[in-house]
């Protein structure tokens, strides 16, 4: 593992920093207070919480403005550059909680979905049976337009189609 390097969070310079190890911290600064007394803020690591899909996020605040940001996007923006148009943050190992720089890249949505299928985390790729309950086996699976179809359900559909057609 490489040495930890810290860079400013893009758009939050002087407030927050992010590391190549996927950690986020506040920066030491002096903040004006309501009683006209300046309060010094010590640097501290920010608590990361997973969102509903497991991606780690942090809350950023400045001048009564609050924003929740995904940690992988902060790491990529600071160390690789802003997100190119039509791209999104991808985790090489499929673990949305692993936000180390060497595990992240900007990629297309299509490549991100292919990664999910490869990792076994895609919701339809994990299915072992069709909606009618037939198992997806090599003998019972038809691949059409990149999707899986149940051979038995196709047979039943065609049989019923021709029965209603001839009646």
Foldseek 3Di string as FASTA:
>chain_A
DDDWDWFAQVPQPQFKIAILQLWIKGDWDWDQDPVRDIDTDHIDTFDWDADPVGFTWGWGDDPNDIDIDGSLQRNCCGPPNHADPQWDKAFQQPHNHRNRNVRIDIGHPVVRVVSCLVNVNDPVSVDQADPVGHGDDVVQWDADPNDTDGNVVVVVVVVVVVVVVVD
